[in-house]
């Protein structure tokens, strides 16, 4: 039985003068040389910096239904430019569906090959380092805001328990009390429970 293959190709709308035809041509030829049958082609013409791409999502839907065995893409940055952690998450989703993946230009990037476990280990390590860097930048930004005297978090909401009790005594529902006072329903309930 032939391996069923899906092709994913992408160019950014910012990359003027480029289209996906070169990618598609070479990916189709590569699949044919492997003896793989192309059953789907997913093509996006937008930035890879978000997962909110129509054909990218359609590809995952087809993968979840096991409509193909291998996803073939030109290079990892054509697949996703969201960052290491997000990209690893996408690849793990494919693996979870029982779908392999292969980069055409990065021959070592092949979940069917012998370097699969090493590849995932390296990407997981890079993703962890990326999360640590993001966390450090966030903490540094919060510390700077504190030093500059900026108030962080949501603004405090003043709760008038006496007003809430009076509104409830008049027969208003918790939702109506919340709407009238501008205080969340649960917070209203907690204020009078004390």
N, C-alpha and C. Protein backbone atom coordinates (compact mmCIF):
# COMPACT_ATOMS: atom_id res chain seq x y z
N UNK A 1 0.84 -1.19 0.00
CA UNK A 1 0.00 0.00 0.00
C UNK A 1 0.88 1.25 0.00
N UNK A 2 0.57 2.20 -0.85
CA UNK A 2 1.37 3.43 -0.98
C UNK A 2 1.15 4.35 0.21
N UNK A 3 2.19 5.09 0.53
CA UNK A 3 2.10 6.08 1.59
C UNK A 3 1.29 7.27 1.08
N UNK A 4 0.26 7.62 1.83
CA UNK A 4 -0.56 8.77 1.47
C UNK A 4 0.10 10.03 2.03
N UNK A 5 0.28 11.00 1.15
CA UNK A 5 1.04 12.18 1.50
C UNK A 5 0.20 13.44 1.32
N UNK A 6 0.36 14.37 2.25
CA UNK A 6 -0.21 15.71 2.10
C UNK A 6 0.95 16.67 1.97
N UNK A 7 0.77 17.67 1.14
CA UNK A 7 1.77 18.71 0.94
C UNK A 7 1.25 19.99 1.57
N UNK A 8 2.13 20.67 2.32
CA UNK A 8 1.78 21.99 2.83
C UNK A 8 2.78 22.98 2.26
N UNK A 9 2.27 24.01 1.60
CA UNK A 9 3.12 25.06 1.03
C UNK A 9 2.60 26.41 1.50
N UNK A 10 3.52 27.35 1.66
CA UNK A 10 3.11 28.67 2.14
C UNK A 10 4.09 29.73 1.68
N UNK A 11 3.56 30.87 1.29
CA UNK A 11 4.35 32.08 1.12
C UNK A 11 3.62 33.19 1.87
N UNK A 12 4.38 34.14 2.36
CA UNK A 12 3.78 35.26 3.06
C UNK A 12 3.30 36.28 2.05
N UNK A 13 2.23 36.97 2.37
CA UNK A 13 1.74 38.01 1.46
C UNK A 13 2.75 39.14 1.34
N UNK A 14 3.64 39.25 2.31
CA UNK A 14 4.68 40.29 2.25
C UNK A 14 5.78 39.93 1.25
N UNK A 15 5.89 38.68 0.88
CA UNK A 15 6.95 38.25 -0.03
C UNK A 15 6.47 38.46 -1.47
N UNK A 16 6.53 39.70 -1.91
CA UNK A 16 6.01 40.07 -3.22
C UNK A 16 6.74 39.33 -4.34
N UNK A 17 5.96 38.95 -5.31
CA UNK A 17 6.54 38.29 -6.46
C UNK A 17 6.77 36.81 -6.26
N UNK A 18 6.49 36.29 -5.07
CA UNK A 18 6.69 34.87 -4.83
C UNK A 18 5.35 34.17 -4.81
N UNK A 19 5.37 32.95 -5.25
CA UNK A 19 4.18 32.12 -5.11
C UNK A 19 4.63 30.73 -4.68
N UNK A 20 3.69 29.85 -4.53
CA UNK A 20 4.01 28.51 -4.02
C UNK A 20 4.32 27.51 -5.12
N UNK A 21 4.29 27.93 -6.38
CA UNK A 21 4.46 26.97 -7.47
C UNK A 21 5.81 26.25 -7.43
N UNK A 22 6.88 26.97 -7.09
CA UNK A 22 8.20 26.31 -7.01
C UNK A 22 8.19 25.24 -5.91
N UNK A 23 7.64 25.61 -4.75
CA UNK A 23 7.56 24.64 -3.65
C UNK A 23 6.76 23.42 -4.08
N UNK A 24 5.57 23.67 -4.63
CA UNK A 24 4.67 22.57 -4.99
C UNK A 24 5.30 21.65 -6.02
N UNK A 25 5.95 22.23 -7.02
CA UNK A 25 6.57 21.41 -8.07
C UNK A 25 7.61 20.46 -7.46
N UNK A 26 8.50 21.00 -6.64
CA UNK A 26 9.56 20.17 -6.08
C UNK A 26 9.02 19.16 -5.06
N UNK A 27 8.02 19.56 -4.31
CA UNK A 27 7.44 18.64 -3.32
C UNK A 27 6.71 17.49 -4.02
N UNK A 28 6.01 17.79 -5.10
CA UNK A 28 5.33 16.73 -5.86
C UNK A 28 6.35 15.75 -6.45
N UNK A 29 7.43 16.29 -7.01
CA UNK A 29 8.47 15.43 -7.59
C UNK A 29 9.11 14.55 -6.52
N UNK A 30 9.41 15.15 -5.37
CA UNK A 30 10.02 14.39 -4.28
C UNK A 30 9.10 13.26 -3.84
N UNK A 31 7.81 13.56 -3.65
CA UNK A 31 6.85 12.54 -3.24
C UNK A 31 6.81 11.40 -4.27
N UNK A 32 6.82 11.75 -5.55
CA UNK A 32 6.77 10.73 -6.60
C UNK A 32 8.02 9.84 -6.53
N UNK A 33 9.19 10.44 -6.30
CA UNK A 33 10.43 9.65 -6.20
C UNK A 33 10.40 8.68 -5.02
N UNK A 34 9.68 9.07 -3.95
CA UNK A 34 9.56 8.20 -2.78
C UNK A 34 8.51 7.11 -2.99
N UNK A 35 7.73 7.25 -4.05
CA UNK A 35 6.63 6.32 -4.28
C UNK A 35 5.40 6.66 -3.45
N UNK A 36 5.34 7.92 -2.97
CA UNK A 36 4.22 8.37 -2.16
C UNK A 36 3.12 8.93 -3.07
N UNK A 37 1.89 8.75 -2.67
CA UNK A 37 0.75 9.28 -3.42
C UNK A 37 0.26 10.54 -2.73
N UNK A 38 0.25 11.66 -3.46
CA UNK A 38 -0.22 12.93 -2.90
C UNK A 38 -1.74 12.93 -2.91
N UNK A 39 -2.32 12.98 -1.71
CA UNK A 39 -3.79 12.95 -1.59
C UNK A 39 -4.37 14.32 -1.23
N UNK A 40 -3.53 15.22 -0.71
CA UNK A 40 -3.98 16.58 -0.36
C UNK A 40 -2.86 17.57 -0.63
N UNK A 41 -3.25 18.78 -1.01
CA UNK A 41 -2.31 19.90 -1.07
C UNK A 41 -2.97 21.07 -0.34
N UNK A 42 -2.28 21.56 0.68
CA UNK A 42 -2.77 22.69 1.46
C UNK A 42 -1.84 23.87 1.20
N UNK A 43 -2.40 24.99 0.77
CA UNK A 43 -1.58 26.14 0.37
C UNK A 43 -2.11 27.40 1.04
N UNK A 44 -1.23 28.08 1.77
CA UNK A 44 -1.58 29.36 2.40
C UNK A 44 -0.76 30.47 1.78
N UNK A 45 -1.36 31.65 1.67
CA UNK A 45 -0.67 32.85 1.20
C UNK A 45 -0.74 33.91 2.30
N UNK A 46 -0.13 33.60 3.42
CA UNK A 46 -0.12 34.52 4.54
C UNK A 46 1.03 34.20 5.48
N UNK A 47 1.22 35.05 6.45
CA UNK A 47 2.34 34.91 7.38
C UNK A 47 2.26 33.60 8.16
N UNK A 48 3.42 33.03 8.44
CA UNK A 48 3.49 31.81 9.24
C UNK A 48 3.65 32.10 10.72
N UNK A 49 3.48 33.37 11.11
CA UNK A 49 3.71 33.74 12.50
C UNK A 49 2.50 33.45 13.40
N UNK A 50 1.44 32.92 12.80
CA UNK A 50 0.26 32.55 13.59
C UNK A 50 -0.30 31.23 13.06
N UNK A 51 -0.98 30.51 13.92
CA UNK A 51 -1.60 29.25 13.48
C UNK A 51 -2.95 29.51 12.82
N UNK A 52 -3.40 30.74 12.88
CA UNK A 52 -4.71 31.09 12.33
C UNK A 52 -4.62 31.27 10.81
N UNK A 53 -4.31 30.15 10.16
CA UNK A 53 -4.23 30.11 8.69
C UNK A 53 -5.23 29.08 8.21
N UNK A 54 -6.03 29.45 7.25
CA UNK A 54 -7.14 28.58 6.82
C UNK A 54 -6.67 27.19 6.41
N UNK A 55 -5.69 27.12 5.52
CA UNK A 55 -5.25 25.81 5.02
C UNK A 55 -4.43 25.06 6.07
N UNK A 56 -3.74 25.77 6.93
CA UNK A 56 -3.00 25.14 8.02
C UNK A 56 -3.97 24.40 8.93
N UNK A 57 -5.08 25.06 9.25
CA UNK A 57 -6.10 24.43 10.10
C UNK A 57 -6.79 23.28 9.36
N UNK A 58 -7.05 23.45 8.07
CA UNK A 58 -7.66 22.38 7.28
C UNK A 58 -6.75 21.14 7.25
N UNK A 59 -5.44 21.39 7.18
CA UNK A 59 -4.47 20.29 7.20
C UNK A 59 -4.57 19.50 8.50
N UNK A 60 -4.67 20.21 9.64
CA UNK A 60 -4.78 19.52 10.92
C UNK A 60 -6.10 18.74 11.03
N UNK A 61 -7.16 19.30 10.47
CA UNK A 61 -8.43 18.58 10.49
C UNK A 61 -8.33 17.28 9.70
N UNK A 62 -7.70 17.36 8.53
CA UNK A 62 -7.51 16.15 7.72
C UNK A 62 -6.59 15.16 8.43
N UNK A 63 -5.56 15.67 9.10
CA UNK A 63 -4.64 14.79 9.84
C UNK A 63 -5.38 14.08 10.97
N UNK A 64 -6.27 14.80 11.64
CA UNK A 64 -7.01 14.18 12.75
C UNK A 64 -7.91 13.05 12.26
N UNK A 65 -8.30 13.11 11.00
CA UNK A 65 -9.13 12.05 10.41
C UNK A 65 -8.28 10.99 9.72
N UNK A 66 -6.94 11.12 9.87
CA UNK A 66 -5.98 10.17 9.26
C UNK A 66 -6.17 10.03 7.75
N UNK A 67 -6.38 11.18 7.08
CA UNK A 67 -6.55 11.18 5.63
C UNK A 67 -5.21 11.07 4.91
N UNK A 68 -4.11 11.21 5.64
CA UNK A 68 -2.78 11.04 5.05
C UNK A 68 -1.83 10.52 6.11
N UNK A 69 -0.70 9.97 5.65
CA UNK A 69 0.28 9.34 6.54
C UNK A 69 1.49 10.23 6.82
N UNK A 70 1.85 11.07 5.84
CA UNK A 70 3.04 11.92 5.96
C UNK A 70 2.70 13.32 5.47
N UNK A 71 3.13 14.32 6.23
CA UNK A 71 3.01 15.71 5.78
C UNK A 71 4.38 16.14 5.26
N UNK A 72 4.40 16.62 4.05
CA UNK A 72 5.64 17.07 3.40
C UNK A 72 5.57 18.57 3.23
N UNK A 73 6.60 19.28 3.71
CA UNK A 73 6.65 20.73 3.53
C UNK A 73 8.04 21.13 3.06
N UNK A 74 8.14 22.30 2.47
CA UNK A 74 9.39 22.78 1.86
C UNK A 74 10.49 22.93 2.90
N UNK A 75 10.20 23.64 3.98
CA UNK A 75 11.15 23.84 5.07
C UNK A 75 10.35 24.18 6.32
N UNK A 76 10.99 24.07 7.47
CA UNK A 76 10.29 24.30 8.72
C UNK A 76 9.70 25.70 8.80
N UNK A 77 10.40 26.70 8.23
CA UNK A 77 9.85 28.06 8.30
C UNK A 77 8.67 28.27 7.35
N UNK A 78 8.48 27.39 6.41
CA UNK A 78 7.26 27.42 5.58
C UNK A 78 6.10 26.81 6.35
N UNK A 79 6.42 25.85 7.21
CA UNK A 79 5.40 25.20 8.05
C UNK A 79 4.93 26.15 9.14
N UNK A 80 5.87 26.75 9.88
CA UNK A 80 5.52 27.64 10.98
C UNK A 80 6.68 28.55 11.32
N UNK A 81 6.34 29.80 11.63
CA UNK A 81 7.30 30.77 12.14
C UNK A 81 6.85 31.31 13.49
N UNK A 82 6.11 30.50 14.22
CA UNK A 82 5.53 30.95 15.48
C UNK A 82 6.50 30.89 16.66
N UNK A 83 7.60 30.24 16.49
CA UNK A 83 8.52 30.05 17.61
C UNK A 83 8.69 28.57 17.85
N UNK A 84 9.74 28.22 18.56
CA UNK A 84 10.09 26.82 18.75
C UNK A 84 9.00 26.07 19.51
N UNK A 85 8.51 26.64 20.60
CA UNK A 85 7.52 25.93 21.42
C UNK A 85 6.25 25.65 20.63
N UNK A 86 5.73 26.67 19.94
CA UNK A 86 4.49 26.49 19.18
C UNK A 86 4.69 25.50 18.04
N UNK A 87 5.83 25.60 17.36
CA UNK A 87 6.12 24.68 16.25
C UNK A 87 6.20 23.25 16.76
N UNK A 88 6.88 23.05 17.88
CA UNK A 88 6.97 21.71 18.47
C UNK A 88 5.58 21.20 18.84
N UNK A 89 4.74 22.07 19.35
CA UNK A 89 3.37 21.69 19.68
C UNK A 89 2.63 21.21 18.44
N UNK A 90 2.78 21.94 17.33
CA UNK A 90 2.12 21.53 16.07
C UNK A 90 2.64 20.16 15.61
N UNK A 91 3.94 19.97 15.68
CA UNK A 91 4.52 18.69 15.24
C UNK A 91 4.05 17.55 16.14
N UNK A 92 3.96 17.82 17.44
CA UNK A 92 3.47 16.80 18.36
C UNK A 92 2.00 16.47 18.09
N UNK A 93 1.23 17.46 17.67
CA UNK A 93 -0.17 17.19 17.29
C UNK A 93 -0.21 16.21 16.13
N UNK A 94 0.64 16.45 15.12
CA UNK A 94 0.68 15.53 13.98
C UNK A 94 1.03 14.13 14.44
N UNK A 95 2.07 14.03 15.27
CA UNK A 95 2.50 12.74 15.77
C UNK A 95 1.37 12.06 16.55
N UNK A 96 0.65 12.86 17.34
CA UNK A 96 -0.47 12.33 18.10
C UNK A 96 -1.57 11.75 17.21
N UNK A 97 -1.69 12.30 16.01
CA UNK A 97 -2.67 11.78 15.05
C UNK A 97 -2.13 10.57 14.28
N UNK A 98 -0.87 10.23 14.54
CA UNK A 98 -0.26 9.11 13.82
C UNK A 98 0.28 9.52 12.46
N UNK A 99 0.52 10.82 12.27
CA UNK A 99 1.02 11.36 11.01
C UNK A 99 2.49 11.74 11.16
N UNK A 100 3.31 11.30 10.21
CA UNK A 100 4.72 11.68 10.19
C UNK A 100 4.88 13.00 9.43
N UNK A 101 6.06 13.61 9.51
CA UNK A 101 6.31 14.84 8.79
C UNK A 101 7.73 14.80 8.23
N UNK A 102 7.93 15.58 7.18
CA UNK A 102 9.24 15.60 6.51
C UNK A 102 9.45 16.95 5.86
N UNK A 103 10.62 17.53 6.07
CA UNK A 103 11.02 18.77 5.41
C UNK A 103 11.80 18.41 4.16
N UNK A 104 11.47 19.05 3.05
CA UNK A 104 12.16 18.78 1.79
C UNK A 104 13.59 19.30 1.80
N UNK A 105 13.79 20.52 2.28
CA UNK A 105 15.12 21.14 2.21
C UNK A 105 16.00 20.81 3.41
N UNK A 106 15.40 20.36 4.51
CA UNK A 106 16.16 20.01 5.71
C UNK A 106 16.03 18.50 5.89
N UNK A 107 16.88 17.76 5.23
CA UNK A 107 16.74 16.30 5.18
C UNK A 107 16.79 15.65 6.56
N UNK A 108 17.46 16.27 7.50
CA UNK A 108 17.54 15.73 8.85
C UNK A 108 16.22 15.89 9.58
N UNK A 109 15.33 16.79 9.07
CA UNK A 109 14.06 17.05 9.74
C UNK A 109 13.01 16.10 9.19
N UNK A 110 13.02 14.88 9.75
CA UNK A 110 12.23 13.80 9.18
C UNK A 110 11.80 12.87 10.31
N UNK A 111 10.52 12.89 10.66
CA UNK A 111 10.05 12.05 11.76
C UNK A 111 9.98 10.58 11.36
N UNK A 112 10.19 10.29 10.08
CA UNK A 112 10.21 8.89 9.63
C UNK A 112 11.61 8.30 9.77
N UNK A 113 12.61 9.17 9.90
CA UNK A 113 14.00 8.73 9.84
C UNK A 113 14.59 8.34 11.18
N UNK A 114 15.87 8.01 11.14
CA UNK A 114 16.57 7.51 12.33
C UNK A 114 16.86 8.60 13.36
N UNK A 115 16.79 9.86 12.95
CA UNK A 115 17.09 10.95 13.89
C UNK A 115 15.84 11.51 14.57
N UNK A 116 14.71 10.84 14.41
CA UNK A 116 13.45 11.35 14.94
C UNK A 116 13.54 11.68 16.43
N UNK A 117 13.98 10.74 17.27
CA UNK A 117 14.02 10.97 18.71
C UNK A 117 15.00 12.08 19.08
N UNK A 118 16.13 12.11 18.41
CA UNK A 118 17.12 13.17 18.67
C UNK A 118 16.54 14.53 18.28
N UNK A 119 15.85 14.57 17.16
CA UNK A 119 15.25 15.80 16.67
C UNK A 119 14.23 16.35 17.66
N UNK A 120 13.34 15.50 18.14
CA UNK A 120 12.31 15.93 19.10
C UNK A 120 12.96 16.38 20.40
N UNK A 121 14.00 15.68 20.83
CA UNK A 121 14.71 16.05 22.06
C UNK A 121 15.33 17.43 21.93
N UNK A 122 15.97 17.69 20.80
CA UNK A 122 16.61 19.00 20.57
C UNK A 122 15.55 20.09 20.54
N UNK A 123 14.45 19.85 19.81
CA UNK A 123 13.40 20.86 19.72
C UNK A 123 12.76 21.12 21.08
N UNK A 124 12.57 20.07 21.87
CA UNK A 124 11.98 20.24 23.20
C UNK A 124 12.91 21.08 24.08
N UNK A 125 14.22 20.85 23.97
CA UNK A 125 15.19 21.64 24.74
C UNK A 125 15.15 23.09 24.31
N UNK A 126 15.10 23.33 22.99
CA UNK A 126 15.02 24.70 22.48
C UNK A 126 13.73 25.38 22.93
N UNK A 127 12.63 24.63 22.92
CA UNK A 127 11.35 25.19 23.35
C UNK A 127 11.39 25.57 24.82
N UNK A 128 12.04 24.73 25.64
CA UNK A 128 12.16 25.03 27.07
C UNK A 128 12.98 26.30 27.27
N UNK A 129 14.08 26.43 26.54
CA UNK A 129 14.91 27.62 26.64
C UNK A 129 14.15 28.87 26.18
N UNK A 130 13.33 28.72 25.15
CA UNK A 130 12.53 29.84 24.66
C UNK A 130 11.54 30.28 25.74
N UNK A 131 10.90 29.32 26.41
CA UNK A 131 9.95 29.66 27.48
C UNK A 131 10.67 30.36 28.63
N UNK A 132 11.88 29.91 28.96
CA UNK A 132 12.65 30.54 30.04
C UNK A 132 12.99 31.99 29.65
N UNK A 133 13.42 32.21 28.39
CA UNK A 133 13.74 33.57 27.93
C UNK A 133 12.51 34.47 27.99
N UNK A 134 11.37 33.96 27.56
CA UNK A 134 10.13 34.75 27.58
C UNK A 134 9.77 35.09 29.02
N UNK A 135 9.88 34.12 29.91
CA UNK A 135 9.57 34.35 31.31
C UNK A 135 10.48 35.42 31.91
N UNK A 136 11.78 35.35 31.59
CA UNK A 136 12.72 36.35 32.11
C UNK A 136 12.40 37.74 31.58
N UNK A 137 12.06 37.83 30.29
CA UNK A 137 11.71 39.14 29.71
C UNK A 137 10.44 39.69 30.37
N UNK A 138 9.48 38.82 30.62
CA UNK A 138 8.22 39.25 31.25
C UNK A 138 8.49 39.76 32.66
N UNK A 139 9.28 39.00 33.42
CA UNK A 139 9.60 39.41 34.79
C UNK A 139 10.37 40.73 34.81
N UNK A 140 11.30 40.88 33.86
CA UNK A 140 12.07 42.13 33.78
C UNK A 140 11.14 43.31 33.46
N UNK A 141 10.19 43.09 32.58
CA UNK A 141 9.24 44.14 32.22
C UNK A 141 8.36 44.52 33.40
N UNK A 142 7.90 43.53 34.17
CA UNK A 142 7.08 43.80 35.35
C UNK A 142 7.88 44.55 36.41
N UNK A 143 9.13 44.15 36.60
CA UNK A 143 9.99 44.82 37.58
C UNK A 143 10.22 46.28 37.19
N UNK A 144 10.43 46.52 35.92
CA UNK A 144 10.63 47.88 35.43
C UNK A 144 9.37 48.71 35.68
N UNK A 145 8.21 48.14 35.39
CA UNK A 145 6.95 48.86 35.61
C UNK A 145 6.78 49.21 37.08
N UNK A 146 7.16 48.28 37.98
CA UNK A 146 7.07 48.55 39.42
C UNK A 146 8.01 49.69 39.82
N UNK A 147 9.24 49.64 39.29
CA UNK A 147 10.22 50.69 39.60
C UNK A 147 9.72 52.06 39.16
N UNK A 148 9.00 52.09 38.04
CA UNK A 148 8.49 53.35 37.50
C UNK A 148 7.19 53.76 38.18
N UNK A 149 6.73 52.94 39.15
CA UNK A 149 5.56 53.29 39.92
C UNK A 149 4.23 52.99 39.24
N UNK A 150 4.26 52.21 38.18
CA UNK A 150 3.00 51.87 37.50
C UNK A 150 2.27 50.80 38.28
N UNK A 151 0.95 50.90 38.30
CA UNK A 151 0.11 49.91 38.96
C UNK A 151 -0.11 48.76 37.98
N UNK A 152 0.12 47.56 38.47
CA UNK A 152 -0.01 46.38 37.62
C UNK A 152 -1.30 45.64 37.94
N UNK A 153 -1.79 44.92 36.97
CA UNK A 153 -2.98 44.11 37.16
C UNK A 153 -4.26 44.90 36.92
N UNK A 154 -5.35 44.22 37.19
CA UNK A 154 -6.66 44.86 37.00
C UNK A 154 -6.87 45.93 38.06
N UNK A 155 -7.60 46.97 37.68
CA UNK A 155 -7.92 47.98 38.70
C UNK A 155 -8.84 47.38 39.76
N UNK A 156 -8.63 47.79 41.01
CA UNK A 156 -9.45 47.27 42.10
C UNK A 156 -10.87 47.81 41.99
N UNK A 157 -11.81 46.93 42.24
CA UNK A 157 -13.22 47.31 42.21
C UNK A 157 -13.71 47.44 43.65
N UNK A 158 -14.26 48.61 43.95
CA UNK A 158 -14.80 48.83 45.29
C UNK A 158 -16.15 48.14 45.41
N UNK A 159 -16.31 47.38 46.47
CA UNK A 159 -17.55 46.64 46.70
C UNK A 159 -18.25 47.23 47.92
N UNK A 160 -19.49 47.64 47.70
CA UNK A 160 -20.29 48.20 48.78
C UNK A 160 -21.27 47.12 49.23
N UNK A 161 -20.90 46.39 50.29
CA UNK A 161 -21.71 45.27 50.77
C UNK A 161 -23.10 45.72 51.21
N UNK A 162 -23.19 46.91 51.80
CA UNK A 162 -24.50 47.40 52.27
C UNK A 162 -25.43 47.61 51.07
N UNK A 163 -24.92 48.18 50.00
CA UNK A 163 -25.72 48.40 48.79
C UNK A 163 -26.19 47.06 48.20
N UNK A 164 -25.30 46.08 48.20
CA UNK A 164 -25.65 44.76 47.64
C UNK A 164 -26.75 44.12 48.49
N UNK A 165 -26.64 44.22 49.83
CA UNK A 165 -27.67 43.65 50.70
C UNK A 165 -29.03 44.34 50.45
N UNK A 166 -29.00 45.65 50.30
CA UNK A 166 -30.23 46.41 50.06
C UNK A 166 -30.89 45.99 48.75
N UNK A 167 -30.08 45.83 47.69
CA UNK A 167 -30.62 45.42 46.39
C UNK A 167 -31.21 44.01 46.46
N UNK A 168 -30.53 43.14 47.18
CA UNK A 168 -31.05 41.77 47.34
C UNK A 168 -32.35 41.78 48.15
N UNK A 169 -32.41 42.66 49.19
CA UNK A 169 -33.61 42.75 50.02
C UNK A 169 -34.80 43.23 49.20
N UNK A 170 -34.52 44.02 48.16
CA UNK A 170 -35.60 44.51 47.27
C UNK A 170 -36.02 43.44 46.26
N UNK A 171 -35.34 42.28 46.31
CA UNK A 171 -35.74 41.16 45.46
C UNK A 171 -34.99 41.04 44.14
N UNK A 172 -33.93 41.82 43.97
CA UNK A 172 -33.15 41.72 42.72
C UNK A 172 -32.35 40.43 42.69
N UNK A 173 -32.26 39.84 41.52
CA UNK A 173 -31.46 38.62 41.36
C UNK A 173 -29.97 38.97 41.44
N UNK A 174 -29.13 37.95 41.60
CA UNK A 174 -27.68 38.19 41.64
C UNK A 174 -27.20 38.82 40.34
N UNK A 175 -27.76 38.40 39.23
CA UNK A 175 -27.37 38.97 37.93
C UNK A 175 -27.75 40.44 37.85
N UNK A 176 -28.93 40.77 38.34
CA UNK A 176 -29.39 42.17 38.32
C UNK A 176 -28.52 43.02 39.25
N UNK A 177 -28.19 42.48 40.42
CA UNK A 177 -27.32 43.20 41.36
C UNK A 177 -25.96 43.45 40.72
N UNK A 178 -25.43 42.44 40.07
CA UNK A 178 -24.14 42.56 39.39
C UNK A 178 -24.19 43.64 38.32
N UNK A 179 -25.27 43.64 37.53
CA UNK A 179 -25.41 44.62 36.45
C UNK A 179 -25.52 46.04 37.01
N UNK A 180 -26.25 46.20 38.09
CA UNK A 180 -26.47 47.54 38.66
C UNK A 180 -25.23 48.08 39.35
N UNK A 181 -24.47 47.22 40.02
CA UNK A 181 -23.31 47.70 40.78
C UNK A 181 -22.02 47.70 39.95
N UNK A 182 -22.02 46.95 38.85
CA UNK A 182 -20.80 46.85 38.05
C UNK A 182 -19.77 45.93 38.66
N UNK A 183 -20.22 45.12 39.62
CA UNK A 183 -19.35 44.16 40.30
C UNK A 183 -19.77 42.77 39.87
N UNK A 184 -18.81 41.90 39.63
CA UNK A 184 -19.12 40.55 39.20
C UNK A 184 -20.04 39.83 40.18
N UNK A 185 -20.86 38.93 39.65
CA UNK A 185 -21.85 38.20 40.45
C UNK A 185 -21.20 37.47 41.63
N UNK A 186 -20.12 36.72 41.36
CA UNK A 186 -19.47 35.96 42.43
C UNK A 186 -18.90 36.87 43.50
N UNK A 187 -18.37 38.02 43.07
CA UNK A 187 -17.79 38.97 44.03
C UNK A 187 -18.89 39.57 44.91
N UNK A 188 -20.06 39.82 44.31
CA UNK A 188 -21.20 40.31 45.09
C UNK A 188 -21.59 39.29 46.16
N UNK A 189 -21.67 38.04 45.75
CA UNK A 189 -22.07 36.98 46.67
C UNK A 189 -21.06 36.86 47.81
N UNK A 190 -19.77 36.94 47.48
CA UNK A 190 -18.74 36.84 48.53
C UNK A 190 -18.80 38.03 49.48
N UNK A 191 -19.11 39.21 48.95
CA UNK A 191 -19.13 40.42 49.79
C UNK A 191 -20.17 40.35 50.89
N UNK A 192 -21.32 39.74 50.60
CA UNK A 192 -22.35 39.66 51.63
C UNK A 192 -22.28 38.39 52.45
N UNK A 193 -21.47 37.46 52.04
CA UNK A 193 -21.31 36.20 52.79
C UNK A 193 -20.42 36.40 53.99
N UNK A 194 -19.63 37.47 54.00
CA UNK A 194 -18.67 37.72 55.08
C UNK A 194 -19.37 38.16 56.33
